[in-house]
Amino acid sequence: MTELVDSARTWVAGNLPIAVGGLVAFLVLTFLCVNAALRRRALDPNKLATANANALTGEKALSWEPAEQSYADLRGAVRRDGQPVRVTLVATTFRNETADGYVIDRSTGGLKVAAQVAVAPGTTMQIRAVDAPDTIGFVTLIVRSCRKTESHYELGCEFEKTPPWNVLLLFG
């Protein structure tokens, strides 16, 4: 036994980097195995089922109501209302003319525009706030929906590429 210990010391002294690396690898693997075992024990399905059953029978479960489902819940970006912002619209369907409109709803993903003209879904158009500085150009939108109301058309539009924040702020 003494010979084995002496030969191990001699080998470690001659191969110190390999010995230290092996020791560190052993410690890391041990830590990961222990950590995984503790997590498995904490997420025991039997314990989770019991906890869920207790929660459902509690007082909170009696007053719980499911959240209302709405179209807005499916959006990837938060919709913001605000004051209508007057804009100029340019599209090939306008035959080299512009149209006026108002941004009535906005998000980082797109705009809802009220306009006097109908635009077919899938059409690409350009939009610019009337009060925007001359250094700010037009923003490209893709019309996703067009709905007729009593006095105007509501165009649901998606940004082709989300504009910078300073340009988004110009739309309200």
C-alpha atoms as a PDB file:
ATOM      1  CA  MET A   1       0.000   0.000   0.000  1.00  0.00           C
ATOM      2  CA  THR A   2       2.880   2.327   0.790  1.00  0.00           C
ATOM      3  CA  GLU A   3       4.389   1.635  -2.624  1.00  0.00           C
ATOM      4  CA  LEU A   4       1.120   2.638  -4.323  1.00  0.00           C
ATOM      5  CA  VAL A   5       0.939   5.943  -2.444  1.00  0.00           C
ATOM      6  CA  ASP A   6       4.610   6.702  -3.231  1.00  0.00           C
ATOM      7  CA  SER A   7       4.152   5.929  -6.924  1.00  0.00           C
ATOM      8  CA  ALA A   8       0.994   8.104  -7.009  1.00  0.00           C
ATOM      9  CA  ARG A   9       2.910  11.023  -5.449  1.00  0.00           C
ATOM     10  CA  THR A  10       5.716  10.598  -7.947  1.00  0.00           C
ATOM     11  CA  TRP A  11       3.272  10.509 -10.883  1.00  0.00           C
ATOM     12  CA  VAL A  12       1.354  13.586  -9.615  1.00  0.00           C
ATOM     13  CA  ALA A  13       4.611  15.507  -9.103  1.00  0.00           C
ATOM     14  CA  GLY A  14       5.645  14.742 -12.670  1.00  0.00           C
ATOM     15  CA  ASN A  15       2.198  15.449 -14.194  1.00  0.00           C
ATOM     16  CA  LEU A  16       0.850  18.275 -12.013  1.00  0.00           C
ATOM     17  CA  PRO A  17      -1.288  20.041 -14.682  1.00  0.00           C
ATOM     18  CA  ILE A  18      -3.046  16.786 -15.608  1.00  0.00           C
ATOM     19  CA  ALA A  19      -3.650  15.921 -11.958  1.00  0.00           C
ATOM     20  CA  VAL A  20      -5.102  19.367 -11.136  1.00  0.00           C
ATOM     21  CA  GLY A  21      -7.307  19.281 -14.251  1.00  0.00           C
ATOM     22  CA  GLY A  22      -8.582  15.829 -13.362  1.00  0.00           C
ATOM     23  CA  LEU A  23      -9.377  16.938  -9.810  1.00  0.00           C
ATOM     24  CA  VAL A  24     -11.253  20.024 -11.043  1.00  0.00           C
ATOM     25  CA  ALA A  25     -13.207  17.920 -13.561  1.00  0.00           C
ATOM     26  CA  PHE A  26     -14.127  15.455 -10.812  1.00  0.00           C
ATOM     27  CA  LEU A  27     -15.346  18.254  -8.525  1.00  0.00           C
ATOM     28  CA  VAL A  28     -17.428  19.874 -11.291  1.00  0.00           C
ATOM     29  CA  LEU A  29     -19.058  16.590 -12.263  1.00  0.00           C
ATOM     30  CA  THR A  30     -19.814  15.820  -8.636  1.00  0.00           C
ATOM     31  CA  PHE A  31     -21.426  19.229  -8.180  1.00  0.00           C
ATOM     32  CA  LEU A  32     -23.562  18.813 -11.324  1.00  0.00           C
ATOM     33  CA  CYS A  33     -24.734  15.348 -10.298  1.00  0.00           C
ATOM     34  CA  VAL A  34     -25.693  16.464  -6.795  1.00  0.00           C
ATOM     35  CA  ASN A  35     -27.446  19.561  -8.169  1.00  0.00           C
ATOM     36  CA  ALA A  36     -29.424  17.463 -10.686  1.00  0.00           C
ATOM     37  CA  ALA A  37     -30.447  15.000  -7.978  1.00  0.00           C
ATOM     38  CA  LEU A  38     -31.696  17.837  -5.755  1.00  0.00           C
ATOM     39  CA  ARG A  39     -33.703  19.342  -8.620  1.00  0.00           C
ATOM     40  CA  ARG A  40     -35.251  15.999  -9.485  1.00  0.00           C
ATOM     41  CA  ARG A  41     -36.292  15.567  -5.889  1.00  0.00           C
ATOM     42  CA  ALA A  42     -37.730  19.102  -5.741  1.00  0.00           C
ATOM     43  CA  LEU A  43     -39.760  18.480  -8.931  1.00  0.00           C
ATOM     44  CA  ASP A  44     -41.132  15.120  -7.867  1.00  0.00           C
ATOM     45  CA  PRO A  45     -44.415  14.646  -9.819  1.00  0.00           C
ATOM     46  CA  ASN A  46     -46.187  13.241  -6.756  1.00  0.00           C
ATOM     47  CA  LYS A  47     -45.359  16.348  -4.731  1.00  0.00           C
ATOM     48  CA  LEU A  48     -46.443  18.639  -7.594  1.00  0.00           C
ATOM     49  CA  ALA A  49     -49.790  16.853  -7.969  1.00  0.00           C
ATOM     50  CA  THR A  50     -50.443  17.177  -4.232  1.00  0.00           C
ATOM     51  CA  ALA A  51     -49.523  20.873  -4.259  1.00  0.00           C
ATOM     52  CA  ASN A  52     -51.817  21.528  -7.247  1.00  0.00           C
ATOM     53  CA  ALA A  53     -54.692  19.685  -5.593  1.00  0.00           C
ATOM     54  CA  ASN A  54     -54.249  21.721  -2.415  1.00  0.00           C
ATOM     55  CA  ALA A  55     -54.192  24.962  -4.396  1.00  0.00           C
ATOM     56  CA  LEU A  56     -57.365  24.062  -6.292  1.00  0.00           C
ATOM     57  CA  THR A  57     -59.277  23.277  -3.133  1.00  0.00           C
ATOM     58  CA  GLY A  58     -58.215  26.482  -1.425  1.00  0.00           C
ATOM     59  CA  GLU A  59     -60.195  29.697  -1.174  1.00  0.00           C
ATOM     60  CA  LYS A  60     -58.287  31.292  -4.066  1.00  0.00           C
ATOM     61  CA  ALA A  61     -59.516  28.589  -6.416  1.00  0.00           C
ATOM     62  CA  LEU A  62     -63.142  29.492  -5.654  1.00  0.00           C
ATOM     63  CA  SER A  63     -62.704  33.100  -6.817  1.00  0.00           C
ATOM     64  CA  TRP A  64     -60.552  32.339  -9.848  1.00  0.00           C
ATOM     65  CA  GLU A  65     -61.934  33.156 -13.273  1.00  0.00           C
ATOM     66  CA  PRO A  66     -60.211  32.493 -16.577  1.00  0.00           C
ATOM     67  CA  ALA A  67     -58.816  35.513 -18.348  1.00  0.00           C
ATOM     68  CA  GLU A  68     -60.920  36.845 -21.193  1.00  0.00           C
ATOM     69  CA  GLN A  69     -59.610  35.817 -24.576  1.00  0.00           C
ATOM     70  CA  SER A  70     -59.384  38.597 -27.087  1.00  0.00           C
ATOM     71  CA  TYR A  71     -57.673  39.306 -30.370  1.00  0.00           C
ATOM     72  CA  ALA A  72     -55.299  41.728 -28.605  1.00  0.00           C
ATOM     73  CA  ASP A  73     -53.917  38.858 -26.492  1.00  0.00           C
ATOM     74  CA  LEU A  74     -52.456  37.298 -29.643  1.00  0.00           C
ATOM     75  CA  ARG A  75     -50.342  40.318 -30.520  1.00  0.00           C
ATOM     76  CA  GLY A  76     -46.581  40.205 -30.279  1.00  0.00           C
ATOM     77  CA  ALA A  77     -46.361  43.923 -29.410  1.00  0.00           C
ATOM     78  CA  VAL A  78     -48.314  46.048 -26.945  1.00  0.00           C
ATOM     79  CA  ARG A  79     -50.926  48.260 -28.591  1.00  0.00           C
ATOM     80  CA  ARG A  80     -51.078  51.913 -27.522  1.00  0.00           C
ATOM     81  CA  ASP A  81     -53.982  54.284 -28.019  1.00  0.00           C
ATOM     82  CA  GLY A  82     -53.471  58.020 -28.043  1.00  0.00           C
ATOM     83  CA  GLN A  83     -54.310  61.208 -29.829  1.00  0.00           C
ATOM     84  CA  PRO A  84     -54.779  60.783 -33.593  1.00  0.00           C
ATOM     85  CA  VAL A  85     -51.704  61.860 -35.545  1.00  0.00           C
ATOM     86  CA  ARG A  86     -52.153  63.245 -39.063  1.00  0.00           C
ATOM     87  CA  VAL A  87     -50.083  61.408 -41.680  1.00  0.00           C
ATOM     88  CA  THR A  88     -49.429  61.402 -45.398  1.00  0.00           C
ATOM     89  CA  LEU A  89     -49.829  58.088 -47.227  1.00  0.00           C
ATOM     90  CA  VAL A  90     -48.166  57.126 -50.512  1.00  0.00           C
ATOM     91  CA  ALA A  91     -48.948  53.932 -52.420  1.00  0.00           C
ATOM     92  CA  THR A  92     -48.806  52.806 -56.029  1.00  0.00           C
ATOM     93  CA  THR A  93     -52.578  52.296 -55.944  1.00  0.00           C
ATOM     94  CA  PHE A  94     -53.052  56.062 -55.426  1.00  0.00           C
ATOM     95  CA  ARG A  95     -51.783  56.702 -59.016  1.00  0.00           C
ATOM     96  CA  ASN A  96     -48.905  59.034 -58.131  1.00  0.00           C
ATOM     97  CA  GLU A  97     -50.969  60.963 -55.589  1.00  0.00           C
ATOM     98  CA  THR A  98     -50.883  61.060 -51.820  1.00  0.00           C
ATOM     99  CA  ALA A  99     -53.671  60.480 -49.347  1.00  0.00           C
ATOM    100  CA  ASP A 100     -54.226  61.912 -45.907  1.00  0.00           C
ATOM    101  CA  GLY A 101     -54.952  59.821 -42.879  1.00  0.00           C
ATOM    102  CA  TYR A 102     -54.680  59.600 -39.124  1.00  0.00           C
ATOM    103  CA  VAL A 103     -52.810  57.098 -36.967  1.00  0.00           C
ATOM    104  CA  ILE A 104     -55.391  56.008 -34.408  1.00  0.00           C
ATOM    105  CA  ASP A 105     -53.575  53.053 -32.863  1.00  0.00           C
ATOM    106  CA  ARG A 106     -49.888  52.189 -32.698  1.00  0.00           C
ATOM    107  CA  SER A 107     -47.445  49.553 -31.500  1.00  0.00           C
ATOM    108  CA  THR A 108     -43.841  48.592 -32.180  1.00  0.00           C
ATOM    109  CA  GLY A 109     -45.167  46.112 -34.728  1.00  0.00           C
ATOM    110  CA  GLY A 110     -47.397  48.415 -36.768  1.00  0.00           C
ATOM    111  CA  LEU A 111     -50.089  51.082 -36.996  1.00  0.00           C
ATOM    112  CA  LYS A 112     -53.837  51.363 -37.456  1.00  0.00           C
ATOM    113  CA  VAL A 113     -54.542  54.175 -39.889  1.00  0.00           C
ATOM    114  CA  ALA A 114     -57.887  55.858 -40.596  1.00  0.00           C
ATOM    115  CA  ALA A 115     -58.044  56.959 -44.233  1.00  0.00           C
ATOM    116  CA  GLN A 116     -60.630  58.043 -46.828  1.00  0.00           C
ATOM    117  CA  VAL A 117     -59.354  55.488 -49.360  1.00  0.00           C
ATOM    118  CA  ALA A 118     -59.485  51.703 -49.274  1.00  0.00           C
ATOM    119  CA  VAL A 119     -56.202  49.825 -49.663  1.00  0.00           C
ATOM    120  CA  ALA A 120     -56.112  46.113 -50.449  1.00  0.00           C
ATOM    121  CA  PRO A 121     -54.454  43.810 -47.902  1.00  0.00           C
ATOM    122  CA  GLY A 122     -50.933  42.882 -48.962  1.00  0.00           C
ATOM    123  CA  THR A 123     -50.286  46.312 -50.471  1.00  0.00           C
ATOM    124  CA  THR A 124     -47.073  48.081 -49.510  1.00  0.00           C
ATOM    125  CA  MET A 125     -47.363  51.780 -48.764  1.00  0.00           C
ATOM    126  CA  GLN A 126     -45.269  54.575 -47.328  1.00  0.00           C
ATOM    127  CA  ILE A 127     -46.320  56.727 -44.368  1.00  0.00           C
ATOM    128  CA  ARG A 128     -44.931  59.890 -42.833  1.00  0.00           C
ATOM    129  CA  ALA A 129     -46.206  62.074 -39.993  1.00  0.00           C
ATOM    130  CA  VAL A 130     -47.258  65.503 -41.290  1.00  0.00           C
ATOM    131  CA  ASP A 131     -45.442  67.229 -38.413  1.00  0.00           C
ATOM    132  CA  ALA A 132     -42.233  65.202 -38.862  1.00  0.00           C
ATOM    133  CA  PRO A 133     -39.018  67.142 -39.510  1.00  0.00           C
ATOM    134  CA  ASP A 134     -37.743  67.223 -43.093  1.00  0.00           C
ATOM    135  CA  THR A 135     -34.836  64.967 -42.088  1.00  0.00           C
ATOM    136  CA  ILE A 136     -37.229  62.080 -41.348  1.00  0.00           C
ATOM    137  CA  GLY A 137     -38.253  60.052 -44.381  1.00  0.00           C
ATOM    138  CA  PHE A 138     -41.181  57.777 -45.088  1.00  0.00           C
ATOM    139  CA  VAL A 139     -41.694  54.470 -43.274  1.00  0.00           C
ATOM    140  CA  THR A 140     -42.787  51.387 -45.226  1.00  0.00           C
ATOM    141  CA  LEU A 141     -45.937  49.573 -44.101  1.00  0.00           C
ATOM    142  CA  ILE A 142     -47.648  46.418 -45.316  1.00  0.00           C
ATOM    143  CA  VAL A 143     -51.442  46.596 -45.175  1.00  0.00           C
ATOM    144  CA  ARG A 144     -52.756  43.518 -43.356  1.00  0.00           C
ATOM    145  CA  SER A 145     -56.455  44.458 -43.130  1.00  0.00           C
ATOM    146  CA  CYS A 146     -58.879  47.067 -44.455  1.00  0.00           C
ATOM    147  CA  ARG A 147     -62.215  47.585 -42.704  1.00  0.00           C
ATOM    148  CA  LYS A 148     -64.960  50.004 -43.723  1.00  0.00           C
ATOM    149  CA  THR A 149     -66.561  52.076 -40.974  1.00  0.00           C
ATOM    150  CA  GLU A 150     -69.324  54.654 -41.323  1.00  0.00           C
ATOM    151  CA  SER A 151     -67.058  57.518 -42.365  1.00  0.00           C
ATOM    152  CA  HIS A 152     -63.653  56.041 -43.249  1.00  0.00           C
ATOM    153  CA  TYR A 153     -61.536  52.929 -43.762  1.00  0.00           C
ATOM    154  CA  GLU A 154     -59.397  51.494 -40.969  1.00  0.00           C
ATOM    155  CA  LEU A 155     -56.144  50.049 -42.284  1.00  0.00           C
ATOM    156  CA  GLY A 156     -54.347  47.560 -40.062  1.00  0.00           C
ATOM    157  CA  CYS A 157     -50.691  47.854 -41.086  1.00  0.00           C
ATOM    158  CA  GLU A 158     -47.463  46.104 -40.127  1.00  0.00           C
ATOM    159  CA  PHE A 159     -44.037  47.728 -40.336  1.00  0.00           C
ATOM    160  CA  GLU A 160     -41.901  46.172 -43.043  1.00  0.00           C
ATOM    161  CA  LYS A 161     -38.979  46.916 -40.737  1.00  0.00           C
ATOM    162  CA  THR A 162     -39.506  48.415 -37.296  1.00  0.00           C
ATOM    163  CA  PRO A 163     -38.314  52.024 -37.442  1.00  0.00           C
ATOM    164  CA  PRO A 164     -36.078  53.590 -34.797  1.00  0.00           C
ATOM    165  CA  TRP A 165     -37.684  54.780 -31.578  1.00  0.00           C
ATOM    166  CA  ASN A 166     -37.425  58.475 -32.494  1.00  0.00           C
ATOM    167  CA  VAL A 167     -39.460  57.807 -35.661  1.00  0.00           C
ATOM    168  CA  LEU A 168     -42.032  55.680 -33.800  1.00  0.00           C
ATOM    169  CA  LEU A 169     -42.636  58.565 -31.415  1.00  0.00           C
ATOM    170  CA  LEU A 170     -43.690  60.779 -34.329  1.00  0.00           C
ATOM    171  CA  PHE A 171     -46.769  58.576 -34.784  1.00  0.00           C
ATOM    172  CA  GLY A 172     -47.960  59.253 -31.256  1.00  0.00           C
END
